Amino acid sequence: MKKHRCMPCGWIYDPQKGDPENGIAPGTAFEDLPEDWACPLCGADKESFEEI
């Protein structure tokens, strides 16, 4: 599973960590995030992320 960076703010989504504060369990691949999930730091949508 690859990490993804939010292009507007630089926050990194790490699938090993998930986003537990927003209901995303560790081990969740970026591709499996809900379509309405947004960056927890700046609120950007999934389209604003790039694979790193």
C-alpha atoms as a PDB file:
ATOM      1  CA  MET A   1       0.000   0.000   0.000  1.00  0.00           C
ATOM      2  CA  LYS A   2       1.374   3.354  -1.031  1.00  0.00           C
ATOM      3  CA  LYS A   3       1.288   6.689   0.740  1.00  0.00           C
ATOM      4  CA  HIS A   4      -0.466   9.702  -0.768  1.00  0.00           C
ATOM      5  CA  ARG A   5       0.289  13.401  -0.237  1.00  0.00           C
ATOM      6  CA  CYS A   6      -2.280  16.194  -0.161  1.00  0.00           C
ATOM      7  CA  MET A   7      -1.037  18.634  -2.789  1.00  0.00           C
ATOM      8  CA  PRO A   8      -2.571  21.770  -1.194  1.00  0.00           C
ATOM      9  CA  CYS A   9      -1.161  21.266   2.329  1.00  0.00           C
ATOM     10  CA  GLY A  10       1.380  18.422   2.214  1.00  0.00           C
ATOM     11  CA  TRP A  11      -0.387  16.097   4.703  1.00  0.00           C
ATOM     12  CA  ILE A  12       0.529  12.447   4.096  1.00  0.00           C
ATOM     13  CA  TYR A  13      -2.052   9.646   4.147  1.00  0.00           C
ATOM     14  CA  ASP A  14      -0.239   6.557   5.418  1.00  0.00           C
ATOM     15  CA  PRO A  15      -2.374   3.422   4.983  1.00  0.00           C
ATOM     16  CA  GLN A  16      -0.474   1.720   7.825  1.00  0.00           C
ATOM     17  CA  LYS A  17      -1.879   4.387  10.183  1.00  0.00           C
ATOM     18  CA  GLY A  18      -5.208   5.094   8.482  1.00  0.00           C
ATOM     19  CA  ASP A  19      -7.173   8.097   9.749  1.00  0.00           C
ATOM     20  CA  PRO A  20      -8.721   6.802  12.997  1.00  0.00           C
ATOM     21  CA  GLU A  21      -9.955  10.237  14.072  1.00  0.00           C
ATOM     22  CA  ASN A  22     -12.210  10.194  10.997  1.00  0.00           C
ATOM     23  CA  GLY A  23     -13.248   6.546  11.176  1.00  0.00           C
ATOM     24  CA  ILE A  24     -10.606   5.104   8.817  1.00  0.00           C
ATOM     25  CA  ALA A  25      -8.991   1.986  10.291  1.00  0.00           C
ATOM     26  CA  PRO A  26      -5.256   1.286  10.001  1.00  0.00           C
ATOM     27  CA  GLY A  27      -4.562  -0.892   6.972  1.00  0.00           C
ATOM     28  CA  THR A  28      -7.068   0.930   4.720  1.00  0.00           C
ATOM     29  CA  ALA A  29      -5.649   1.520   1.247  1.00  0.00           C
ATOM     30  CA  PHE A  30      -6.093   5.007  -0.202  1.00  0.00           C
ATOM     31  CA  GLU A  31      -8.173   3.511  -3.037  1.00  0.00           C
ATOM     32  CA  ASP A  32     -10.576   2.071  -0.449  1.00  0.00           C
ATOM     33  CA  LEU A  33     -11.277   5.388   1.289  1.00  0.00           C
ATOM     34  CA  PRO A  34     -14.880   6.596   0.927  1.00  0.00           C
ATOM     35  CA  GLU A  35     -15.433   8.984  -1.990  1.00  0.00           C
ATOM     36  CA  ASP A  36     -16.482  11.742   0.435  1.00  0.00           C
ATOM     37  CA  TRP A  37     -13.343  11.383   2.600  1.00  0.00           C
ATOM     38  CA  ALA A  38     -11.320  14.602   2.824  1.00  0.00           C
ATOM     39  CA  CYS A  39      -7.897  15.635   4.067  1.00  0.00           C
ATOM     40  CA  PRO A  40      -8.151  15.965   7.861  1.00  0.00           C
ATOM     41  CA  LEU A  41      -5.812  18.961   7.825  1.00  0.00           C
ATOM     42  CA  CYS A  42      -7.179  21.202   5.052  1.00  0.00           C
ATOM     43  CA  GLY A  43     -10.389  19.513   3.849  1.00  0.00           C
ATOM     44  CA  ALA A  44      -9.191  18.840   0.279  1.00  0.00           C
ATOM     45  CA  ASP A  45     -10.939  15.981  -1.533  1.00  0.00           C
ATOM     46  CA  LYS A  46      -9.330  12.726  -2.698  1.00  0.00           C
ATOM     47  CA  GLU A  47      -8.686  14.201  -6.161  1.00  0.00           C
ATOM     48  CA  SER A  48      -6.195  16.590  -4.523  1.00  0.00           C
ATOM     49  CA  PHE A  49      -3.847  13.759  -3.477  1.00  0.00           C
ATOM     50  CA  GLU A  50      -0.857  12.351  -5.338  1.00  0.00           C
ATOM     51  CA  GLU A  51       0.813   8.974  -4.862  1.00  0.00           C
ATOM     52  CA  ILE A  52       4.298   9.165  -3.355  1.00  0.00           C
END
